[in-house]
């Protein structure tokens, strides 16, 4: 899974934590880009959080052996 973390105005958010509850996590880079792996196939709940911003989560359909793109 990969994607970008943006604020309400479309500006990149660096240092946001993106992850799967009880699983792997990663941090967004200076451009807001993140890569999260490995992620289990199926309907996967993924969260994004950073101090000073609203915490959010989404159910993302992940296909085995494929890279899914999801922006927060």
PDB file of N, CA and C in Angstrom:
ATOM      1  N   UNK A   1       0.842  -1.166   0.000  1.00  0.00           N
ATOM      2  CA  UNK A   1       0.000   0.000   0.000  1.00  0.00           C
ATOM      3  C   UNK A   1       0.889   1.231   0.000  1.00  0.00           C
ATOM      4  N   UNK A   2       0.492   2.219  -0.788  1.00  0.00           N
ATOM      5  CA  UNK A   2       1.211   3.488  -0.779  1.00  0.00           C
ATOM      6  C   UNK A   2       0.223   4.618  -0.999  1.00  0.00           C
ATOM      7  N   UNK A   3       0.687   5.841  -0.783  1.00  0.00           N
ATOM      8  CA  UNK A   3      -0.168   6.999  -0.992  1.00  0.00           C
ATOM      9  C   UNK A   3       0.433   8.230  -0.354  1.00  0.00           C
ATOM     10  N   UNK A   4      -0.398   9.247  -0.226  1.00  0.00           N
ATOM     11  CA  UNK A   4       0.035  10.528   0.336  1.00  0.00           C
ATOM     12  C   UNK A   4      -0.869  10.921   1.494  1.00  0.00           C
ATOM     13  N   UNK A   5      -0.314  11.714   2.405  1.00  0.00           N
ATOM     14  CA  UNK A   5      -1.071  12.286   3.512  1.00  0.00           C
ATOM     15  C   UNK A   5      -1.109  13.793   3.283  1.00  0.00           C
ATOM     16  N   UNK A   6      -2.329  14.333   3.177  1.00  0.00           N
ATOM     17  CA  UNK A   6      -2.523  15.761   2.931  1.00  0.00           C
ATOM     18  C   UNK A   6      -3.411  16.361   4.014  1.00  0.00           C
ATOM     19  N   UNK A   7      -3.315  17.678   4.187  1.00  0.00           N
ATOM     20  CA  UNK A   7      -4.256  18.354   5.065  1.00  0.00           C
ATOM     21  C   UNK A   7      -5.479  18.795   4.249  1.00  0.00           C
ATOM     22  N   UNK A   8      -6.380  19.508   4.882  1.00  0.00           N
ATOM     23  CA  UNK A   8      -7.622  19.951   4.240  1.00  0.00           C
ATOM     24  C   UNK A   8      -7.362  20.774   2.978  1.00  0.00           C
ATOM     25  N   UNK A   9      -6.251  21.507   2.964  1.00  0.00           N
ATOM     26  CA  UNK A   9      -5.930  22.387   1.842  1.00  0.00           C
ATOM     27  C   UNK A   9      -5.061  21.709   0.782  1.00  0.00           C
ATOM     28  N   UNK A  10      -4.790  20.427   0.941  1.00  0.00           N
ATOM     29  CA  UNK A  10      -3.996  19.699  -0.038  1.00  0.00           C
ATOM     30  C   UNK A  10      -2.501  19.809   0.158  1.00  0.00           C
ATOM     31  N   UNK A  11      -2.068  20.332   1.307  1.00  0.00           N
ATOM     32  CA  UNK A  11      -0.644  20.437   1.595  1.00  0.00           C
ATOM     33  C   UNK A  11      -0.161  19.150   2.257  1.00  0.00           C
ATOM     34  N   UNK A  12       1.051  18.726   1.904  1.00  0.00           N
ATOM     35  CA  UNK A  12       1.613  17.481   2.423  1.00  0.00           C
ATOM     36  C   UNK A  12       1.810  17.542   3.932  1.00  0.00           C
ATOM     37  N   UNK A  13       1.560  16.421   4.591  1.00  0.00           N
ATOM     38  CA  UNK A  13       1.817  16.285   6.020  1.00  0.00           C
ATOM     39  C   UNK A  13       2.941  15.276   6.202  1.00  0.00           C
ATOM     40  N   UNK A  14       4.094  15.755   6.619  1.00  0.00           N
ATOM     41  CA  UNK A  14       5.242  14.884   6.891  1.00  0.00           C
ATOM     42  C   UNK A  14       5.164  14.387   8.329  1.00  0.00           C
ATOM     43  N   UNK A  15       5.662  13.184   8.568  1.00  0.00           N
ATOM     44  CA  UNK A  15       5.734  12.651   9.919  1.00  0.00           C
ATOM     45  C   UNK A  15       4.440  12.075  10.448  1.00  0.00           C
ATOM     46  N   UNK A  16       3.451  11.849   9.584  1.00  0.00           N
ATOM     47  CA  UNK A  16       2.209  11.209  10.017  1.00  0.00           C
ATOM     48  C   UNK A  16       2.434   9.702  10.105  1.00  0.00           C
ATOM     49  N   UNK A  17       1.825   9.078  11.080  1.00  0.00           N
ATOM     50  CA  UNK A  17       1.908   7.627  11.226  1.00  0.00           C
ATOM     51  C   UNK A  17       0.751   6.992  10.467  1.00  0.00           C
ATOM     52  N   UNK A  18       1.079   6.061   9.587  1.00  0.00           N
ATOM     53  CA  UNK A  18       0.086   5.314   8.823  1.00  0.00           C
ATOM     54  C   UNK A  18       0.297   3.840   9.179  1.00  0.00           C
ATOM     55  N   UNK A  19      -0.778   3.123   9.464  1.00  0.00           N
ATOM     56  CA  UNK A  19      -0.589   1.730   9.833  1.00  0.00           C
ATOM     57  C   UNK A  19      -1.870   0.931   9.892  1.00  0.00           C
ATOM     58  N   UNK A  20      -1.682  -0.335  10.217  1.00  0.00           N
ATOM     59  CA  UNK A  20      -2.764  -1.286  10.419  1.00  0.00           C
ATOM     60  C   UNK A  20      -2.774  -1.601  11.913  1.00  0.00           C
ATOM     61  N   UNK A  21      -3.935  -1.476  12.552  1.00  0.00           N
ATOM     62  CA  UNK A  21      -4.051  -1.731  13.986  1.00  0.00           C
ATOM     63  C   UNK A  21      -3.490  -3.103  14.334  1.00  0.00           C
ATOM     64  N   UNK A  22      -2.535  -3.132  15.242  1.00  0.00           N
ATOM     65  CA  UNK A  22      -1.912  -4.383  15.655  1.00  0.00           C
ATOM     66  C   UNK A  22      -0.943  -4.938  14.630  1.00  0.00           C
ATOM     67  N   UNK A  23      -0.642  -4.166  13.601  1.00  0.00           N
ATOM     68  CA  UNK A  23       0.255  -4.640  12.540  1.00  0.00           C
ATOM     69  C   UNK A  23       1.353  -3.646  12.244  1.00  0.00           C
ATOM     70  N   UNK A  24       1.724  -3.585  11.005  1.00  0.00           N
ATOM     71  CA  UNK A  24       2.827  -2.752  10.573  1.00  0.00           C
ATOM     72  C   UNK A  24       2.445  -1.268  10.542  1.00  0.00           C
ATOM     73  N   UNK A  25       3.426  -0.394  10.755  1.00  0.00           N
ATOM     74  CA  UNK A  25       3.224   1.046  10.649  1.00  0.00           C
ATOM     75  C   UNK A  25       4.388   1.652   9.874  1.00  0.00           C
ATOM     76  N   UNK A  26       4.166   2.868   9.402  1.00  0.00           N
ATOM     77  CA  UNK A  26       5.206   3.617   8.702  1.00  0.00           C
ATOM     78  C   UNK A  26       4.956   5.101   8.957  1.00  0.00           C
ATOM     79  N   UNK A  27       5.862   5.944   8.491  1.00  0.00           N
ATOM     80  CA  UNK A  27       5.741   7.390   8.661  1.00  0.00           C
ATOM     81  C   UNK A  27       5.822   8.060   7.298  1.00  0.00           C
ATOM     82  N   UNK A  28       4.977   9.069   7.086  1.00  0.00           N
ATOM     83  CA  UNK A  28       5.016   9.798   5.817  1.00  0.00           C
ATOM     84  C   UNK A  28       6.263  10.674   5.746  1.00  0.00           C
ATOM     85  N   UNK A  29       6.801  10.795   4.530  1.00  0.00           N
ATOM     86  CA  UNK A  29       8.009  11.574   4.304  1.00  0.00           C
ATOM     87  C   UNK A  29       7.710  13.047   4.094  1.00  0.00           C
ATOM     88  N   UNK A  30       8.726  13.842   3.718  1.00  0.00           N
ATOM     89  CA  UNK A  30       8.571  15.289   3.533  1.00  0.00           C
ATOM     90  C   UNK A  30       7.491  15.682   2.517  1.00  0.00           C
ATOM     91  N   UNK A  31       7.268  14.837   1.509  1.00  0.00           N
ATOM     92  CA  UNK A  31       6.240  15.129   0.500  1.00  0.00           C
ATOM     93  C   UNK A  31       4.879  14.569   0.889  1.00  0.00           C
ATOM     94  N   UNK A  32       4.790  13.934   2.079  1.00  0.00           N
ATOM     95  CA  UNK A  32       3.555  13.297   2.520  1.00  0.00           C
ATOM     96  C   UNK A  32       3.420  11.866   2.036  1.00  0.00           C
ATOM     97  N   UNK A  33       4.372  11.390   1.226  1.00  0.00           N
ATOM     98  CA  UNK A  33       4.301  10.047   0.649  1.00  0.00           C
ATOM     99  C   UNK A  33       4.649   8.980   1.692  1.00  0.00           C
ATOM    100  N   UNK A  34       3.922   7.876   1.657  1.00  0.00           N
ATOM    101  CA  UNK A  34       4.210   6.745   2.539  1.00  0.00           C
ATOM    102  C   UNK A  34       4.144   5.444   1.756  1.00  0.00           C
ATOM    103  N   UNK A  35       4.848   4.437   2.236  1.00  0.00           N
ATOM    104  CA  UNK A  35       4.761   3.064   1.741  1.00  0.00           C
ATOM    105  C   UNK A  35       4.544   2.189   2.972  1.00  0.00           C
ATOM    106  N   UNK A  36       3.472   1.411   2.959  1.00  0.00           N
ATOM    107  CA  UNK A  36       3.126   0.533   4.075  1.00  0.00           C
ATOM    108  C   UNK A  36       3.145  -0.900   3.582  1.00  0.00           C
ATOM    109  N   UNK A  37       4.055  -1.691   4.143  1.00  0.00           N
ATOM    110  CA  UNK A  37       4.135  -3.108   3.766  1.00  0.00           C
ATOM    111  C   UNK A  37       4.709  -3.924   4.900  1.00  0.00           C
ATOM    112  N   UNK A  38       4.347  -5.156   5.035  1.00  0.00           N
ATOM    113  CA  UNK A  38       3.302  -5.869   4.292  1.00  0.00           C
ATOM    114  C   UNK A  38       1.920  -5.541   4.848  1.00  0.00           C
ATOM    115  N   UNK A  39       0.914  -5.690   3.991  1.00  0.00           N
ATOM    116  CA  UNK A  39      -0.486  -5.499   4.379  1.00  0.00           C
ATOM    117  C   UNK A  39      -1.248  -6.736   3.923  1.00  0.00           C
ATOM    118  N   UNK A  40      -2.048  -7.301   4.809  1.00  0.00           N
ATOM    119  CA  UNK A  40      -2.820  -8.502   4.471  1.00  0.00           C
ATOM    120  C   UNK A  40      -3.889  -8.184   3.433  1.00  0.00           C
ATOM    121  N   UNK A  41      -4.167  -9.167   2.578  1.00  0.00           N
ATOM    122  CA  UNK A  41      -5.208  -9.029   1.560  1.00  0.00           C
ATOM    123  C   UNK A  41      -6.579  -9.020   2.224  1.00  0.00           C
ATOM    124  N   UNK A  42      -7.533  -8.387   1.559  1.00  0.00           N
ATOM    125  CA  UNK A  42      -8.903  -8.324   2.054  1.00  0.00           C
ATOM    126  C   UNK A  42      -9.272  -6.908   2.450  1.00  0.00           C
ATOM    127  N   UNK A  43     -10.409  -6.772   3.119  1.00  0.00           N
ATOM    128  CA  UNK A  43     -10.866  -5.472   3.611  1.00  0.00           C
ATOM    129  C   UNK A  43     -10.041  -5.120   4.849  1.00  0.00           C
ATOM    130  N   UNK A  44      -9.107  -4.199   4.707  1.00  0.00           N
ATOM    131  CA  UNK A  44      -8.148  -3.886   5.752  1.00  0.00           C
ATOM    132  C   UNK A  44      -8.395  -2.488   6.302  1.00  0.00           C
ATOM    133  N   UNK A  45      -8.496  -2.380   7.635  1.00  0.00           N
ATOM    134  CA  UNK A  45      -8.649  -1.062   8.254  1.00  0.00           C
ATOM    135  C   UNK A  45      -7.280  -0.440   8.450  1.00  0.00           C
ATOM    136  N   UNK A  46      -7.085   0.719   7.855  1.00  0.00           N
ATOM    137  CA  UNK A  46      -5.816   1.434   7.908  1.00  0.00           C
ATOM    138  C   UNK A  46      -6.067   2.778   8.579  1.00  0.00           C
ATOM    139  N   UNK A  47      -5.131   3.208   9.439  1.00  0.00           N
ATOM    140  CA  UNK A  47      -5.312   4.481  10.130  1.00  0.00           C
ATOM    141  C   UNK A  47      -4.191   5.453   9.783  1.00  0.00           C
ATOM    142  N   UNK A  48      -4.448   6.720  10.035  1.00  0.00           N
ATOM    143  CA  UNK A  48      -3.469   7.781   9.833  1.00  0.00           C
ATOM    144  C   UNK A  48      -3.612   8.752  10.996  1.00  0.00           C
ATOM    145  N   UNK A  49      -2.486   9.100  11.624  1.00  0.00           N
ATOM    146  CA  UNK A  49      -2.541   9.978  12.788  1.00  0.00           C
ATOM    147  C   UNK A  49      -1.285  10.836  12.880  1.00  0.00           C
ATOM    148  N   UNK A  50      -1.473  12.047  13.376  1.00  0.00           N
ATOM    149  CA  UNK A  50      -0.351  12.924  13.703  1.00  0.00           C
ATOM    150  C   UNK A  50      -0.856  13.922  14.739  1.00  0.00           C
ATOM    151  N   UNK A  51      -0.031  14.172  15.742  1.00  0.00           N
ATOM    152  CA  UNK A  51      -0.402  15.118  16.784  1.00  0.00           C
ATOM    153  C   UNK A  51      -0.750  16.470  16.155  1.00  0.00           C
ATOM    154  N   UNK A  52      -1.852  17.052  16.601  1.00  0.00           N
ATOM    155  CA  UNK A  52      -2.307  18.328  16.075  1.00  0.00           C
ATOM    156  C   UNK A  52      -3.282  18.206  14.917  1.00  0.00           C
ATOM    157  N   UNK A  53      -3.509  16.972  14.447  1.00  0.00           N
ATOM    158  CA  UNK A  53      -4.436  16.713  13.339  1.00  0.00           C
ATOM    159  C   UNK A  53      -5.469  15.688  13.788  1.00  0.00           C
ATOM    160  N   UNK A  54      -6.596  15.643  13.096  1.00  0.00           N
ATOM    161  CA  UNK A  54      -7.609  14.635  13.394  1.00  0.00           C
ATOM    162  C   UNK A  54      -7.121  13.256  12.990  1.00  0.00           C
ATOM    163  N   UNK A  55      -7.383  12.270  13.850  1.00  0.00           N
ATOM    164  CA  UNK A  55      -7.081  10.873  13.557  1.00  0.00           C
ATOM    165  C   UNK A  55      -8.139  10.369  12.591  1.00  0.00           C
ATOM    166  N   UNK A  56      -7.741   9.561  11.618  1.00  0.00           N
ATOM    167  CA  UNK A  56      -8.707   9.031  10.663  1.00  0.00           C
ATOM    168  C   UNK A  56      -8.373   7.579  10.341  1.00  0.00           C
ATOM    169  N   UNK A  57      -9.375   6.853   9.885  1.00  0.00           N
ATOM    170  CA  UNK A  57      -9.151   5.482   9.437  1.00  0.00           C
ATOM    171  C   UNK A  57     -10.064   5.212   8.249  1.00  0.00           C
ATOM    172  N   UNK A  58      -9.734   4.161   7.510  1.00  0.00           N
ATOM    173  CA  UNK A  58     -10.518   3.785   6.340  1.00  0.00           C
ATOM    174  C   UNK A  58     -10.416   2.281   6.132  1.00  0.00           C
ATOM    175  N   UNK A  59     -11.455   1.702   5.583  1.00  0.00           N
ATOM    176  CA  UNK A  59     -11.437   0.300   5.172  1.00  0.00           C
ATOM    177  C   UNK A  59     -11.005   0.298   3.710  1.00  0.00           C
ATOM    178  N   UNK A  60      -9.863  -0.324   3.444  1.00  0.00           N
ATOM    179  CA  UNK A  60      -9.275  -0.321   2.102  1.00  0.00           C
ATOM    180  C   UNK A  60      -9.256  -1.749   1.562  1.00  0.00           C
ATOM    181  N   UNK A  61      -9.821  -1.987   0.375  1.00  0.00           N
ATOM    182  CA  UNK A  61      -9.758  -3.327  -0.221  1.00  0.00           C
ATOM    183  C   UNK A  61      -8.354  -3.587  -0.778  1.00  0.00           C
ATOM    184  N   UNK A  62      -7.677  -4.578  -0.218  1.00  0.00           N
ATOM    185  CA  UNK A  62      -6.313  -4.914  -0.627  1.00  0.00           C
ATOM    186  C   UNK A  62      -6.339  -6.240  -1.381  1.00  0.00           C
ATOM    187  N   UNK A  63      -5.766  -6.243  -2.587  1.00  0.00           N
ATOM    188  CA  UNK A  63      -5.695  -7.446  -3.412  1.00  0.00           C
ATOM    189  C   UNK A  63      -4.317  -8.077  -3.220  1.00  0.00           C
ATOM    190  N   UNK A  64      -4.277  -9.384  -2.981  1.00  0.00           N
ATOM    191  CA  UNK A  64      -3.011 -10.095  -2.780  1.00  0.00           C
ATOM    192  C   UNK A  64      -2.098  -9.913  -3.980  1.00  0.00           C
ATOM    193  N   UNK A  65      -0.839  -9.586  -3.731  1.00  0.00           N
ATOM    194  CA  UNK A  65       0.153  -9.456  -4.788  1.00  0.00           C
ATOM    195  C   UNK A  65       0.078  -8.165  -5.577  1.00  0.00           C
ATOM    196  N   UNK A  66      -0.777  -7.233  -5.151  1.00  0.00           N
ATOM    197  CA  UNK A  66      -0.944  -5.974  -5.863  1.00  0.00           C
ATOM    198  C   UNK A  66      -0.660  -4.825  -4.901  1.00  0.00           C
ATOM    199  N   UNK A  67      -0.284  -3.666  -5.441  1.00  0.00           N
ATOM    200  CA  UNK A  67      -0.084  -2.473  -4.629  1.00  0.00           C
ATOM    201  C   UNK A  67      -1.316  -1.598  -4.756  1.00  0.00           C
ATOM    202  N   UNK A  68      -1.934  -1.303  -3.632  1.00  0.00           N
ATOM    203  CA  UNK A  68      -3.109  -0.437  -3.629  1.00  0.00           C
ATOM    204  C   UNK A  68      -2.662   0.968  -3.228  1.00  0.00           C
ATOM    205  N   UNK A  69      -3.245   1.981  -3.876  1.00  0.00           N
ATOM    206  CA  UNK A  69      -2.914   3.375  -3.591  1.00  0.00           C
ATOM    207  C   UNK A  69      -4.061   3.983  -2.806  1.00  0.00           C
ATOM    208  N   UNK A  70      -3.737   4.620  -1.652  1.00  0.00           N
ATOM    209  CA  UNK A  70      -4.764   5.276  -0.855  1.00  0.00           C
ATOM    210  C   UNK A  70      -4.191   6.544  -0.246  1.00  0.00           C
ATOM    211  N   UNK A  71      -4.847   7.673  -0.485  1.00  0.00           N
ATOM    212  CA  UNK A  71      -4.430   8.954   0.073  1.00  0.00           C
ATOM    213  C   UNK A  71      -5.282   9.297   1.283  1.00  0.00           C
ATOM    214  N   UNK A  72      -4.636   9.832   2.311  1.00  0.00           N
ATOM    215  CA  UNK A  72      -5.332  10.329   3.486  1.00  0.00           C
ATOM    216  C   UNK A  72      -5.374  11.837   3.456  1.00  0.00           C
TER     217      UNK A  72
END
